[in-house]
Amino acid sequence: MIFRRVESDDDREALLEVTLEAAEMRFLRKVPKKLKDIFLHPDRSPAVIDRLFPPTYDDPETEKEHRRLLGETLLERRKEGLECFSQILDRADGGRLTASVAEINLLLQVLNDYRLMLGVEMNLTDNDWSSDARVFFRHPRKFAEMAFASALQEEIIRGCSEDT
């Protein structure tokens, strides 16, 4: 992944040009598909939904009412974000993509949601998941995807913060 800052036509918004390797692009294209299924059928993955939308209130009744009122809206926003994520990737020309700061933030959010989903599916409860080799042996593909998503997030953040 290579980053370069570019000037926008109207100078109102900073833009970043990102060049993605073919493997990175393939990986990113499958992320929204997996998350979309969870957002379309939240009852099938309640633990993932709880992780992606942690409780806002300590009181169970207040939390239940909050989720009743806002739950669908929150899911709709996430589904819309996945559509935008796919549209951003569709604009890539030969792995080269120009994205606004808002679009980069969306890429980071979707990658984070994906990592959280994988963590729940692997029954991870500790943030230091990389030090537990048992996780790798129980879930090698998911572990590799989590490590790859983490590395992509790190590269995006590093690319956004470096002066180029």
Protein backbone atom coordinates (compact mmCIF):
# COMPACT_ATOMS: atom_id res chain seq x y z
CA MET A 1 0.00 0.00 0.00
CA ILE A 2 1.42 3.33 -1.05
CA PHE A 3 0.01 6.73 -0.07
CA ARG A 4 0.40 10.12 -1.68
CA ARG A 5 -1.41 13.35 -0.87
CA VAL A 6 -3.02 15.03 -3.87
CA GLU A 7 -4.72 18.36 -4.39
CA SER A 8 -8.48 18.46 -4.86
CA ASP A 9 -10.01 20.42 -7.71
CA ASP A 10 -11.68 22.87 -5.35
CA ASP A 11 -9.02 22.90 -2.59
CA ARG A 12 -11.75 22.40 0.03
CA GLU A 13 -10.87 18.86 0.96
CA ALA A 14 -7.63 16.97 1.38
CA LEU A 15 -7.34 13.89 -0.78
CA LEU A 16 -5.14 10.85 -0.55
CA GLU A 17 -4.12 8.63 -3.39
CA VAL A 18 -3.77 5.04 -2.29
CA THR A 19 -2.19 2.34 -4.41
CA LEU A 20 -3.32 -1.12 -3.34
CA GLU A 21 -1.72 -4.43 -4.18
CA ALA A 22 -3.96 -7.03 -5.83
CA ALA A 23 -4.15 -9.12 -2.61
CA GLU A 24 -5.14 -6.05 -0.60
CA MET A 25 -7.89 -5.22 -3.09
CA ARG A 26 -9.23 -8.80 -3.10
CA PHE A 27 -9.32 -8.81 0.68
CA LEU A 28 -11.06 -5.42 0.90
CA ARG A 29 -13.73 -6.45 -1.62
CA LYS A 30 -14.88 -9.40 0.51
CA VAL A 31 -15.09 -7.46 3.78
CA PRO A 32 -18.43 -5.72 3.09
CA LYS A 33 -20.05 -8.96 1.94
CA LYS A 34 -19.34 -10.66 5.26
CA LEU A 35 -20.42 -7.71 7.37
CA LYS A 36 -23.55 -7.06 5.31
CA ASP A 37 -24.91 -10.50 6.14
CA ILE A 38 -24.59 -9.72 9.85
CA PHE A 39 -26.31 -6.35 9.44
CA LEU A 40 -29.13 -7.89 7.37
CA HIS A 41 -29.68 -10.69 9.92
CA PRO A 42 -28.60 -9.34 13.31
CA ASP A 43 -30.54 -12.05 15.14
CA ARG A 44 -28.16 -14.69 13.71
CA SER A 45 -25.09 -13.10 15.30
CA PRO A 46 -26.18 -11.37 18.52
CA ALA A 47 -22.67 -11.51 20.04
CA VAL A 48 -21.20 -9.68 17.03
CA ILE A 49 -24.00 -7.09 17.10
CA ASP A 50 -23.39 -6.54 20.83
CA ARG A 51 -19.68 -6.03 20.13
CA LEU A 52 -20.26 -3.62 17.26
CA PHE A 53 -22.95 -1.72 19.18
CA PRO A 54 -21.93 -1.86 22.84
CA PRO A 55 -24.46 -0.86 25.50
CA THR A 56 -25.01 2.84 25.99
CA TYR A 57 -26.80 2.59 29.32
CA ASP A 58 -26.11 0.59 32.47
CA ASP A 59 -29.80 0.15 33.21
CA PRO A 60 -31.11 -2.86 31.20
CA GLU A 61 -34.56 -1.36 30.66
CA THR A 62 -33.16 1.96 29.43
CA GLU A 63 -30.78 0.10 27.14
CA LYS A 64 -33.59 -2.04 25.76
CA GLU A 65 -35.64 1.07 24.97
CA HIS A 66 -32.61 2.77 23.41
CA ARG A 67 -32.01 -0.20 21.11
CA ARG A 68 -35.69 -0.38 20.23
CA LEU A 69 -35.65 3.29 19.20
CA LEU A 70 -32.25 3.46 17.49
CA GLY A 71 -31.29 -0.11 16.63
CA GLU A 72 -32.58 -0.11 13.07
CA THR A 73 -31.13 3.34 12.39
CA LEU A 74 -27.70 2.23 13.55
CA LEU A 75 -27.85 -0.89 11.40
CA GLU A 76 -29.02 1.13 8.38
CA ARG A 77 -26.09 3.54 8.78
CA ARG A 78 -23.66 0.64 8.90
CA LYS A 79 -25.25 -0.94 5.79
CA GLU A 80 -25.03 2.41 3.97
CA GLY A 81 -21.39 2.62 5.02
CA LEU A 82 -20.74 -0.78 3.48
CA GLU A 83 -22.33 0.37 0.21
CA CYS A 84 -20.11 3.46 0.21
CA PHE A 85 -17.09 1.28 1.02
CA SER A 86 -17.82 -0.88 -2.04
CA GLN A 87 -18.33 2.20 -4.22
CA ILE A 88 -14.98 3.60 -3.08
CA LEU A 89 -13.28 0.36 -4.09
CA ASP A 90 -15.16 0.31 -7.41
CA ARG A 91 -13.51 3.63 -8.29
CA ALA A 92 -10.05 2.10 -8.00
CA ASP A 93 -8.23 2.08 -11.32
CA GLY A 94 -5.61 -0.65 -11.44
CA GLY A 95 -5.39 -0.62 -7.65
CA ARG A 96 -5.02 3.17 -7.53
CA LEU A 97 -7.69 4.97 -5.55
CA THR A 98 -8.18 8.62 -4.67
CA ALA A 99 -10.12 9.07 -1.44
CA SER A 100 -11.19 11.96 0.76
CA VAL A 101 -10.46 12.06 4.46
CA ALA A 102 -14.09 11.05 5.14
CA GLU A 103 -13.71 8.06 2.82
CA ILE A 104 -10.46 7.03 4.51
CA ASN A 105 -12.26 7.23 7.86
CA LEU A 106 -15.00 4.99 6.46
CA LEU A 107 -12.40 2.46 5.25
CA LEU A 108 -10.92 2.42 8.76
CA GLN A 109 -14.36 2.00 10.39
CA VAL A 110 -15.33 -0.91 8.14
CA LEU A 111 -11.97 -2.62 8.71
CA ASN A 112 -12.42 -2.17 12.45
CA ASP A 113 -15.94 -3.63 12.33
CA TYR A 114 -14.54 -6.60 10.43
CA ARG A 115 -11.78 -7.12 12.98
CA LEU A 116 -14.32 -6.96 15.83
CA MET A 117 -16.53 -9.49 14.04
CA LEU A 118 -13.60 -11.87 13.63
CA GLY A 119 -12.61 -11.42 17.27
CA VAL A 120 -16.09 -12.41 18.43
CA GLU A 121 -16.16 -15.38 16.07
CA MET A 122 -12.80 -16.56 17.49
CA ASN A 123 -13.98 -15.99 21.09
CA LEU A 124 -11.25 -13.44 21.77
CA THR A 125 -11.68 -11.53 24.98
CA ASP A 126 -8.23 -9.96 25.28
CA ASN A 127 -6.92 -7.14 23.12
CA ASP A 128 -3.51 -8.84 22.95
CA TRP A 129 -4.77 -11.57 20.63
CA SER A 130 -1.51 -11.79 18.69
CA SER A 131 0.33 -13.42 21.60
CA ASP A 132 -1.99 -16.43 21.93
CA ALA A 133 -0.81 -19.08 19.46
CA ARG A 134 -3.79 -21.28 20.30
CA VAL A 135 -6.06 -18.82 18.49
CA PHE A 136 -4.00 -19.28 15.34
CA PHE A 137 -4.29 -23.06 15.48
CA ARG A 138 -8.03 -23.04 16.21
CA HIS A 139 -8.90 -20.43 13.55
CA PRO A 140 -5.96 -20.04 11.13
CA ARG A 141 -7.89 -18.30 8.32
CA LYS A 142 -9.74 -15.89 10.59
CA PHE A 143 -6.55 -15.17 12.51
CA ALA A 144 -4.72 -14.39 9.26
CA GLU A 145 -7.58 -12.14 8.12
CA MET A 146 -7.56 -10.30 11.45
CA ALA A 147 -3.80 -9.79 11.26
CA PHE A 148 -4.11 -8.58 7.65
CA ALA A 149 -6.96 -6.17 8.48
CA SER A 150 -4.91 -4.84 11.41
CA ALA A 151 -1.89 -4.33 9.17
CA LEU A 152 -4.01 -2.51 6.59
CA GLN A 153 -5.44 -0.22 9.26
CA GLU A 154 -1.94 0.50 10.53
CA GLU A 155 -0.70 1.29 7.01
CA ILE A 156 -3.66 3.60 6.34
CA ILE A 157 -3.09 5.49 9.59
CA ARG A 158 0.65 5.71 8.96
CA GLY A 159 0.04 6.90 5.39
CA CYS A 160 -2.39 9.56 6.58
CA SER A 161 -0.05 10.87 9.24
CA GLU A 162 3.20 10.97 7.25
CA ASP A 163 4.31 14.04 5.40
CA THR A 164 4.75 12.96 1.79
